[in-house]
Amino acid sequence: MTDLVQTPKRLYRRAARGKDDESMPIVLGGVMLVVTLAVAIVLTLTFLVYFLV
């Protein structure tokens, strides 16, 4: 039986090869995570400046 939970290193290797069918969703998931974090940080800073000034 195959392991259903994959480690981040294994996912990175699969996405880096680019030959797997799952490489595009893995890359898009990573990009969406980074974009979401950036938006959350900007919104937090914006609200802090708005309410504290």
Protein backbone atom coordinates (compact mmCIF):
# COMPACT_ATOMS: atom_id res chain seq x y z
CA MET A 1 0.00 0.00 0.00
CA THR A 2 1.30 3.46 -0.84
CA ASP A 3 1.67 6.20 1.72
CA LEU A 4 -1.25 8.64 1.43
CA VAL A 5 0.54 11.45 3.26
CA GLN A 6 3.46 12.83 1.29
CA THR A 7 6.31 14.75 2.84
CA PRO A 8 7.07 18.29 1.64
CA LYS A 9 10.45 17.12 0.32
CA ARG A 10 8.78 14.48 -1.83
CA LEU A 11 6.21 17.00 -3.12
CA TYR A 12 9.01 19.45 -3.93
CA ARG A 13 10.94 16.81 -5.86
CA ARG A 14 7.84 15.81 -7.83
CA ALA A 15 7.04 19.44 -8.68
CA ALA A 16 10.65 20.24 -9.60
CA ARG A 17 10.75 17.44 -12.15
CA GLY A 18 7.62 18.82 -13.81
CA LYS A 19 6.83 15.53 -15.53
CA ASP A 20 4.14 14.46 -13.08
CA ASP A 21 0.44 15.22 -13.55
CA GLU A 22 0.30 16.61 -10.02
CA SER A 23 3.13 19.12 -10.48
CA MET A 24 0.89 21.99 -11.61
CA PRO A 25 -1.50 21.81 -8.62
CA ILE A 26 1.48 21.54 -6.27
CA VAL A 27 3.07 24.67 -7.75
CA LEU A 28 -0.23 26.58 -7.81
CA GLY A 29 -0.86 25.65 -4.19
CA GLY A 30 2.52 27.03 -3.19
CA VAL A 31 2.01 30.25 -5.14
CA MET A 32 -1.45 30.74 -3.67
CA LEU A 33 -0.01 30.21 -0.17
CA VAL A 34 2.65 32.89 -0.70
CA VAL A 35 0.15 35.35 -2.23
CA THR A 36 -2.33 34.77 0.59
CA LEU A 37 0.34 35.40 3.22
CA ALA A 38 1.45 38.59 1.47
CA VAL A 39 -2.14 39.90 1.28
CA ALA A 40 -2.74 39.04 4.93
CA ILE A 41 0.39 40.93 5.99
CA VAL A 42 -0.51 43.99 3.91
CA LEU A 43 -4.08 44.03 5.23
CA THR A 44 -2.87 43.69 8.81
CA LEU A 45 -0.46 46.59 8.40
CA THR A 46 -3.13 48.68 6.67
CA PHE A 47 -5.66 48.15 9.46
CA LEU A 48 -3.05 48.87 12.13
CA VAL A 49 -2.08 52.15 10.48
CA TYR A 50 -5.74 53.11 9.97
CA PHE A 51 -6.83 52.44 13.55
CA LEU A 52 -3.72 53.73 15.31
CA VAL A 53 -3.35 57.01 13.42
